[in-house]
Amino acid sequence: MLGFICALDVEVEGIKSLMDNKTEETFAKITYAKGEIFGQEVVCCECGIGKVNAAMSTQIMIDRYSPDVIINSGIAGSLSKDIRIGDIVISDDCVQHDMDGTEMGDLPGEICFNDEKRIDIPADKATSDKLQAACGVLNDTAVFRGRIASGDVFISMHEKRQRVADLFHALACEMEGGAVGTVCYRNGIPYAVLRCISDDFNENEFVDFMRFRRIAAEKSIKAITEFIKNC
């Protein structure tokens, strides 16, 4: 079974519209749609914005549906002048850029589990490879592979984006992928993140995000559709 976790309804509705034999269940006020797409069993949900929502949705999905892989798809802000609106970024790994235990001696972004510490949460290479191949259906779209930085803050100012880019060597910033990845990592579930850039590296206002999010989300859905078709 393929699992998809998205922050916004525009992303989830695109996946649900492709489903046959669709059923829905709600847990912790999160609705999970399950069905078949191109003969593949698929489950998806709209988690809401932010890391707590994403983590909660991911653990419920794992516990209730036992997916073989989880994809977090959607939109993101660029952390590079070379990555522009409409481009795609696929995860090699994720970090949580707002984790800050430096006053206790931790490194920036270091996550303290009960049995280990680490900064990077590695994505499943085979899944990321398949997502990259699926993006071949997108015309005039540059595809980048690398690190995605997540945090509970919408970063619009160029100076703040530059800091995250320099500190973590990340290509894109958003608010859920690192949490999805962390929960998958601890549960031993392969995961990957696919994000379409909705706002570029220059200083952006929230209105820019709202303006471009539907266009970016539709491009993500097209790539996800191709991914499912070829799984």
C-alpha atoms as a PDB file:
ATOM      1  CA  MET A   1       0.000   0.000   0.000  1.00  0.00           C
ATOM      2  CA  LEU A   2       1.157   3.505  -0.866  1.00  0.00           C
ATOM      3  CA  GLY A   3       0.576   6.256   1.695  1.00  0.00           C
ATOM      4  CA  PHE A   4       0.380   9.964   0.874  1.00  0.00           C
ATOM      5  CA  ILE A   5       0.369  12.728   3.462  1.00  0.00           C
ATOM      6  CA  CYS A   6      -0.260  16.316   2.401  1.00  0.00           C
ATOM      7  CA  ALA A   7      -0.714  19.541   4.320  1.00  0.00           C
ATOM      8  CA  LEU A   8      -3.386  21.166   2.151  1.00  0.00           C
ATOM      9  CA  ASP A   9      -6.747  20.053   0.814  1.00  0.00           C
ATOM     10  CA  VAL A  10      -5.880  21.022  -2.768  1.00  0.00           C
ATOM     11  CA  GLU A  11      -3.173  18.338  -2.732  1.00  0.00           C
ATOM     12  CA  VAL A  12      -5.297  15.598  -1.179  1.00  0.00           C
ATOM     13  CA  GLU A  13      -8.349  16.202  -3.363  1.00  0.00           C
ATOM     14  CA  GLY A  14      -6.264  15.613  -6.470  1.00  0.00           C
ATOM     15  CA  ILE A  15      -5.258  12.165  -5.220  1.00  0.00           C
ATOM     16  CA  LYS A  16      -8.737  11.270  -3.986  1.00  0.00           C
ATOM     17  CA  SER A  17     -10.255  12.152  -7.357  1.00  0.00           C
ATOM     18  CA  LEU A  18      -8.289   9.305  -8.938  1.00  0.00           C
ATOM     19  CA  MET A  19      -9.472   6.627  -6.496  1.00  0.00           C
ATOM     20  CA  ASP A  20     -11.749   3.696  -7.249  1.00  0.00           C
ATOM     21  CA  ASN A  21     -13.585   1.890  -4.415  1.00  0.00           C
ATOM     22  CA  LYS A  22     -12.917   4.804  -2.098  1.00  0.00           C
ATOM     23  CA  THR A  23     -13.708   4.551   1.601  1.00  0.00           C
ATOM     24  CA  GLU A  24     -13.050   7.092   4.335  1.00  0.00           C
ATOM     25  CA  GLU A  25     -12.334   6.847   8.062  1.00  0.00           C
ATOM     26  CA  THR A  26     -11.594   9.553  10.609  1.00  0.00           C
ATOM     27  CA  PHE A  27      -9.138   9.268  13.487  1.00  0.00           C
ATOM     28  CA  ALA A  28      -8.193  12.203  15.749  1.00  0.00           C
ATOM     29  CA  LYS A  29     -10.289  14.381  13.415  1.00  0.00           C
ATOM     30  CA  ILE A  30      -8.071  13.456  10.463  1.00  0.00           C
ATOM     31  CA  THR A  31      -9.885  11.837   7.533  1.00  0.00           C
ATOM     32  CA  TYR A  32      -8.075   9.046   5.694  1.00  0.00           C
ATOM     33  CA  ALA A  33      -9.247   8.117   2.210  1.00  0.00           C
ATOM     34  CA  LYS A  34      -8.401   4.614   1.024  1.00  0.00           C
ATOM     35  CA  GLY A  35      -8.924   3.235  -2.474  1.00  0.00           C
ATOM     36  CA  GLU A  36      -7.299   1.936  -5.633  1.00  0.00           C
ATOM     37  CA  ILE A  37      -5.444   3.917  -8.277  1.00  0.00           C
ATOM     38  CA  PHE A  38      -4.181   2.032 -11.333  1.00  0.00           C
ATOM     39  CA  GLY A  39      -4.663  -1.177  -9.363  1.00  0.00           C
ATOM     40  CA  GLN A  40      -2.498   0.024  -6.471  1.00  0.00           C
ATOM     41  CA  GLU A  41      -3.872   0.290  -2.928  1.00  0.00           C
ATOM     42  CA  VAL A  42      -3.501   3.895  -1.797  1.00  0.00           C
ATOM     43  CA  VAL A  43      -4.308   5.804   1.377  1.00  0.00           C
ATOM     44  CA  CYS A  44      -4.046   9.574   1.769  1.00  0.00           C
ATOM     45  CA  CYS A  45      -4.885  12.299   4.236  1.00  0.00           C
ATOM     46  CA  GLU A  46      -4.770  16.044   4.737  1.00  0.00           C
ATOM     47  CA  CYS A  47      -2.658  16.442   7.853  1.00  0.00           C
ATOM     48  CA  GLY A  48      -2.834  20.190   8.308  1.00  0.00           C
ATOM     49  CA  ILE A  49       0.083  22.582   8.525  1.00  0.00           C
ATOM     50  CA  GLY A  50       3.080  22.039  10.802  1.00  0.00           C
ATOM     51  CA  LYS A  51       5.210  19.297  12.267  1.00  0.00           C
ATOM     52  CA  VAL A  52       2.893  18.169  15.064  1.00  0.00           C
ATOM     53  CA  ASN A  53      -0.011  17.668  12.668  1.00  0.00           C
ATOM     54  CA  ALA A  54       2.250  15.860  10.220  1.00  0.00           C
ATOM     55  CA  ALA A  55       3.736  13.562  12.876  1.00  0.00           C
ATOM     56  CA  MET A  56       0.342  12.675  14.324  1.00  0.00           C
ATOM     57  CA  SER A  57      -1.089  11.914  10.882  1.00  0.00           C
ATOM     58  CA  THR A  58       1.905   9.774   9.955  1.00  0.00           C
ATOM     59  CA  GLN A  59       1.788   7.617  13.082  1.00  0.00           C
ATOM     60  CA  ILE A  60      -1.943   7.038  12.690  1.00  0.00           C
ATOM     61  CA  MET A  61      -1.464   6.072   9.053  1.00  0.00           C
ATOM     62  CA  ILE A  62       1.249   3.579   9.983  1.00  0.00           C
ATOM     63  CA  ASP A  63      -0.739   2.078  12.849  1.00  0.00           C
ATOM     64  CA  ARG A  64      -4.058   1.817  10.994  1.00  0.00           C
ATOM     65  CA  TYR A  65      -3.041   1.056   7.399  1.00  0.00           C
ATOM     66  CA  SER A  66       0.502  -0.395   7.479  1.00  0.00           C
ATOM     67  CA  PRO A  67       1.689   1.299   4.264  1.00  0.00           C
ATOM     68  CA  ASP A  68       4.766  -0.061   2.526  1.00  0.00           C
ATOM     69  CA  VAL A  69       6.000   3.460   1.813  1.00  0.00           C
ATOM     70  CA  ILE A  70       4.866   6.992   2.672  1.00  0.00           C
ATOM     71  CA  ILE A  71       5.183  10.015   0.397  1.00  0.00           C
ATOM     72  CA  ASN A  72       4.849  13.556   1.659  1.00  0.00           C
ATOM     73  CA  SER A  73       3.935  15.682  -1.343  1.00  0.00           C
ATOM     74  CA  GLY A  74       3.061  19.312  -1.782  1.00  0.00           C
ATOM     75  CA  ILE A  75       4.680  22.712  -2.014  1.00  0.00           C
ATOM     76  CA  ALA A  76       7.746  24.455  -0.587  1.00  0.00           C
ATOM     77  CA  GLY A  77       9.864  27.582  -0.680  1.00  0.00           C
ATOM     78  CA  SER A  78      13.167  27.657  -2.521  1.00  0.00           C
ATOM     79  CA  LEU A  79      16.459  27.955  -0.650  1.00  0.00           C
ATOM     80  CA  SER A  80      18.532  28.446  -3.804  1.00  0.00           C
ATOM     81  CA  LYS A  81      18.645  31.105  -6.482  1.00  0.00           C
ATOM     82  CA  ASP A  82      18.842  28.260  -9.009  1.00  0.00           C
ATOM     83  CA  ILE A  83      15.517  26.728  -7.926  1.00  0.00           C
ATOM     84  CA  ARG A  84      12.542  28.675  -9.204  1.00  0.00           C
ATOM     85  CA  ILE A  85       8.772  28.660  -8.938  1.00  0.00           C
ATOM     86  CA  GLY A  86       7.385  25.504 -10.543  1.00  0.00           C
ATOM     87  CA  ASP A  87      10.570  23.461 -10.102  1.00  0.00           C
ATOM     88  CA  ILE A  88      10.509  20.164  -8.193  1.00  0.00           C
ATOM     89  CA  VAL A  89      12.668  19.193  -5.205  1.00  0.00           C
ATOM     90  CA  ILE A  90      12.864  15.538  -4.142  1.00  0.00           C
ATOM     91  CA  SER A  91      14.387  14.519  -0.822  1.00  0.00           C
ATOM     92  CA  ASP A  92      17.657  12.746  -0.286  1.00  0.00           C
ATOM     93  CA  ASP A  93      17.088  13.500   3.373  1.00  0.00           C
ATOM     94  CA  CYS A  94      15.240  15.901   5.673  1.00  0.00           C
ATOM     95  CA  VAL A  95      16.184  18.027   8.655  1.00  0.00           C
ATOM     96  CA  GLN A  96      14.202  19.953  11.249  1.00  0.00           C
ATOM     97  CA  HIS A  97      15.773  23.396  11.015  1.00  0.00           C
ATOM     98  CA  ASP A  98      13.957  24.744  14.069  1.00  0.00           C
ATOM     99  CA  MET A  99      15.319  22.110  16.457  1.00  0.00           C
ATOM    100  CA  ASP A 100      17.659  24.110  18.667  1.00  0.00           C
ATOM    101  CA  GLY A 101      19.281  22.540  21.706  1.00  0.00           C
ATOM    102  CA  THR A 102      22.554  24.397  21.174  1.00  0.00           C
ATOM    103  CA  GLU A 103      22.496  25.858  24.692  1.00  0.00           C
ATOM    104  CA  MET A 104      22.583  22.268  25.984  1.00  0.00           C
ATOM    105  CA  GLY A 105      25.507  21.418  23.714  1.00  0.00           C
ATOM    106  CA  ASP A 106      23.553  19.903  20.827  1.00  0.00           C
ATOM    107  CA  LEU A 107      24.271  20.762  17.224  1.00  0.00           C
ATOM    108  CA  PRO A 108      21.795  22.932  15.305  1.00  0.00           C
ATOM    109  CA  GLY A 109      18.959  20.742  14.083  1.00  0.00           C
ATOM    110  CA  GLU A 110      20.037  17.748  16.188  1.00  0.00           C
ATOM    111  CA  ILE A 111      17.135  15.530  17.242  1.00  0.00           C
ATOM    112  CA  CYS A 112      17.497  13.757  20.577  1.00  0.00           C
ATOM    113  CA  PHE A 113      15.792  10.370  20.560  1.00  0.00           C
ATOM    114  CA  ASN A 114      15.824   8.080  23.574  1.00  0.00           C
ATOM    115  CA  ASP A 115      18.563   5.951  22.005  1.00  0.00           C
ATOM    116  CA  GLU A 116      20.403   8.189  19.523  1.00  0.00           C
ATOM    117  CA  LYS A 117      20.986  11.697  18.263  1.00  0.00           C
ATOM    118  CA  ARG A 118      20.978  12.690  14.610  1.00  0.00           C
ATOM    119  CA  ILE A 119      20.361  15.662  12.361  1.00  0.00           C
ATOM    120  CA  ASP A 120      19.581  14.096   9.007  1.00  0.00           C
ATOM    121  CA  ILE A 121      16.645  11.763   8.411  1.00  0.00           C
ATOM    122  CA  PRO A 122      17.538   9.759   5.281  1.00  0.00           C
ATOM    123  CA  ALA A 123      14.856   9.263   2.658  1.00  0.00           C
ATOM    124  CA  ASP A 124      14.444   5.944   0.859  1.00  0.00           C
ATOM    125  CA  LYS A 125      16.666   6.181  -2.218  1.00  0.00           C
ATOM    126  CA  ALA A 126      14.625   3.773  -4.342  1.00  0.00           C
ATOM    127  CA  THR A 127      11.450   5.753  -3.672  1.00  0.00           C
ATOM    128  CA  SER A 128      13.144   9.066  -4.402  1.00  0.00           C
ATOM    129  CA  ASP A 129      14.521   7.592  -7.629  1.00  0.00           C
ATOM    130  CA  LYS A 130      11.011   6.552  -8.706  1.00  0.00           C
ATOM    131  CA  LEU A 131       9.648   9.992  -7.898  1.00  0.00           C
ATOM    132  CA  GLN A 132      12.395  11.607  -9.931  1.00  0.00           C
ATOM    133  CA  ALA A 133      11.633   9.338 -12.877  1.00  0.00           C
ATOM    134  CA  ALA A 134       7.918  10.145 -12.562  1.00  0.00           C
ATOM    135  CA  CYS A 135       8.696  13.846 -12.949  1.00  0.00           C
ATOM    136  CA  GLY A 136       9.633  13.093 -16.545  1.00  0.00           C
ATOM    137  CA  VAL A 137       5.980  13.718 -17.445  1.00  0.00           C
ATOM    138  CA  LEU A 138       6.322  17.358 -16.425  1.00  0.00           C
ATOM    139  CA  ASN A 139       7.220  19.657 -19.291  1.00  0.00           C
ATOM    140  CA  ASP A 140       9.732  22.471 -18.817  1.00  0.00           C
ATOM    141  CA  THR A 141      10.309  21.528 -15.184  1.00  0.00           C
ATOM    142  CA  ALA A 142      13.701  21.345 -13.496  1.00  0.00           C
ATOM    143  CA  VAL A 143      14.018  18.565 -10.909  1.00  0.00           C
ATOM    144  CA  PHE A 144      16.470  18.785  -8.012  1.00  0.00           C
ATOM    145  CA  ARG A 145      17.559  16.174  -5.457  1.00  0.00           C
ATOM    146  CA  GLY A 146      18.828  17.084  -2.033  1.00  0.00           C
ATOM    147  CA  ARG A 147      17.949  18.080   1.497  1.00  0.00           C
ATOM    148  CA  ILE A 148      14.584  19.499   2.541  1.00  0.00           C
ATOM    149  CA  ALA A 149      14.401  21.587   5.718  1.00  0.00           C
ATOM    150  CA  SER A 150      11.226  21.580   7.814  1.00  0.00           C
ATOM    151  CA  GLY A 151      10.154  23.844  10.640  1.00  0.00           C
ATOM    152  CA  ASP A 152       7.103  25.315  12.327  1.00  0.00           C
ATOM    153  CA  VAL A 153       7.568  28.707  10.690  1.00  0.00           C
ATOM    154  CA  PHE A 154       6.667  30.150   7.289  1.00  0.00           C
ATOM    155  CA  ILE A 155       9.908  31.747   6.087  1.00  0.00           C
ATOM    156  CA  SER A 156       9.389  34.642   3.685  1.00  0.00           C
ATOM    157  CA  MET A 157      12.400  36.899   4.250  1.00  0.00           C
ATOM    158  CA  HIS A 158      15.439  36.244   2.094  1.00  0.00           C
ATOM    159  CA  GLU A 159      17.868  36.635   5.004  1.00  0.00           C
ATOM    160  CA  LYS A 160      16.153  33.910   7.025  1.00  0.00           C
ATOM    161  CA  ARG A 161      16.061  31.564   4.051  1.00  0.00           C
ATOM    162  CA  GLN A 162      19.746  32.219   3.455  1.00  0.00           C
ATOM    163  CA  ARG A 163      20.532  31.241   7.040  1.00  0.00           C
ATOM    164  CA  VAL A 164      18.694  27.905   6.726  1.00  0.00           C
ATOM    165  CA  ALA A 165      20.343  27.240   3.379  1.00  0.00           C
ATOM    166  CA  ASP A 166      23.827  27.987   4.722  1.00  0.00           C
ATOM    167  CA  LEU A 167      23.421  26.137   8.014  1.00  0.00           C
ATOM    168  CA  PHE A 168      21.836  22.963   6.668  1.00  0.00           C
ATOM    169  CA  HIS A 169      22.784  22.953   2.956  1.00  0.00           C
ATOM    170  CA  ALA A 170      19.110  22.473   2.119  1.00  0.00           C
ATOM    171  CA  LEU A 171      17.372  23.148  -1.191  1.00  0.00           C
ATOM    172  CA  ALA A 172      13.828  23.843   0.001  1.00  0.00           C
ATOM    173  CA  CYS A 173      11.951  24.755   3.168  1.00  0.00           C
ATOM    174  CA  GLU A 174       8.483  23.707   4.271  1.00  0.00           C
ATOM    175  CA  MET A 175       6.632  22.707   7.426  1.00  0.00           C
ATOM    176  CA  GLU A 176       5.894  18.957   7.408  1.00  0.00           C
ATOM    177  CA  GLY A 177       8.375  16.713   5.568  1.00  0.00           C
ATOM    178  CA  GLY A 178      10.930  16.433   8.366  1.00  0.00           C
ATOM    179  CA  ALA A 179       8.235  15.313  10.801  1.00  0.00           C
ATOM    180  CA  VAL A 180       6.826  12.732   8.375  1.00  0.00           C
ATOM    181  CA  GLY A 181      10.349  11.494   7.771  1.00  0.00           C
ATOM    182  CA  THR A 182      11.192  11.290  11.469  1.00  0.00           C
ATOM    183  CA  VAL A 183       8.121   9.190  12.291  1.00  0.00           C
ATOM    184  CA  CYS A 184       8.772   6.917   9.304  1.00  0.00           C
ATOM    185  CA  TYR A 185      12.428   6.544  10.297  1.00  0.00           C
ATOM    186  CA  ARG A 186      11.551   5.487  13.828  1.00  0.00           C
ATOM    187  CA  ASN A 187       8.954   3.008  12.543  1.00  0.00           C
ATOM    188  CA  GLY A 188      11.188   1.556   9.840  1.00  0.00           C
ATOM    189  CA  ILE A 189       8.915   2.708   7.007  1.00  0.00           C
ATOM    190  CA  PRO A 190      10.505   3.953   3.750  1.00  0.00           C
ATOM    191  CA  TYR A 191       9.595   7.533   2.950  1.00  0.00           C
ATOM    192  CA  ALA A 192      10.341  10.331   0.505  1.00  0.00           C
ATOM    193  CA  VAL A 193       9.289  13.947   0.074  1.00  0.00           C
ATOM    194  CA  LEU A 194       8.328  15.605  -3.205  1.00  0.00           C
ATOM    195  CA  ARG A 195       7.785  19.351  -3.212  1.00  0.00           C
ATOM    196  CA  CYS A 196       6.936  21.774  -5.985  1.00  0.00           C
ATOM    197  CA  ILE A 197       8.306  25.259  -5.434  1.00  0.00           C
ATOM    198  CA  SER A 198       5.550  27.813  -4.856  1.00  0.00           C
ATOM    199  CA  ASP A 199       7.749  30.777  -3.918  1.00  0.00           C
ATOM    200  CA  ASP A 200      11.316  31.587  -4.888  1.00  0.00           C
ATOM    201  CA  PHE A 201      14.480  32.449  -2.973  1.00  0.00           C
ATOM    202  CA  ASN A 202      13.913  36.193  -3.010  1.00  0.00           C
ATOM    203  CA  GLU A 203      11.872  37.932  -0.329  1.00  0.00           C
ATOM    204  CA  ASN A 204       8.253  36.807  -0.604  1.00  0.00           C
ATOM    205  CA  GLU A 205       5.014  37.925   0.920  1.00  0.00           C
ATOM    206  CA  PHE A 206       2.398  35.414   2.077  1.00  0.00           C
ATOM    207  CA  VAL A 207       0.199  36.514  -0.838  1.00  0.00           C
ATOM    208  CA  ASP A 208       2.772  35.029  -3.242  1.00  0.00           C
ATOM    209  CA  PHE A 209       2.451  31.660  -1.516  1.00  0.00           C
ATOM    210  CA  MET A 210      -1.338  31.806  -1.742  1.00  0.00           C
ATOM    211  CA  ARG A 211      -1.195  32.821  -5.393  1.00  0.00           C
ATOM    212  CA  PHE A 212       1.085  30.030  -6.566  1.00  0.00           C
ATOM    213  CA  ARG A 213       0.119  27.159  -4.286  1.00  0.00           C
ATOM    214  CA  ARG A 214      -2.615  25.718  -6.523  1.00  0.00           C
ATOM    215  CA  ILE A 215      -0.419  25.743  -9.622  1.00  0.00           C
ATOM    216  CA  ALA A 216       2.424  24.112  -7.685  1.00  0.00           C
ATOM    217  CA  ALA A 217       0.140  21.537  -6.071  1.00  0.00           C
ATOM    218  CA  GLU A 218      -1.346  20.527  -9.423  1.00  0.00           C
ATOM    219  CA  LYS A 219       2.141  19.876 -10.772  1.00  0.00           C
ATOM    220  CA  SER A 220       2.955  17.729  -7.724  1.00  0.00           C
ATOM    221  CA  ILE A 221      -0.232  15.717  -8.236  1.00  0.00           C
ATOM    222  CA  LYS A 222       0.669  15.054 -11.870  1.00  0.00           C
ATOM    223  CA  ALA A 223       4.033  13.625 -10.837  1.00  0.00           C
ATOM    224  CA  ILE A 224       2.450  11.563  -8.057  1.00  0.00           C
ATOM    225  CA  THR A 225      -0.057  10.131 -10.515  1.00  0.00           C
ATOM    226  CA  GLU A 226       2.798   8.962 -12.734  1.00  0.00           C
ATOM    227  CA  PHE A 227       4.593   7.531  -9.699  1.00  0.00           C
ATOM    228  CA  ILE A 228       1.559   5.432  -8.738  1.00  0.00           C
ATOM    229  CA  LYS A 229       1.096   4.261 -12.317  1.00  0.00           C
ATOM    230  CA  ASN A 230       4.641   2.887 -12.417  1.00  0.00           C
ATOM    231  CA  CYS A 231       4.826   1.318  -8.949  1.00  0.00           C
END
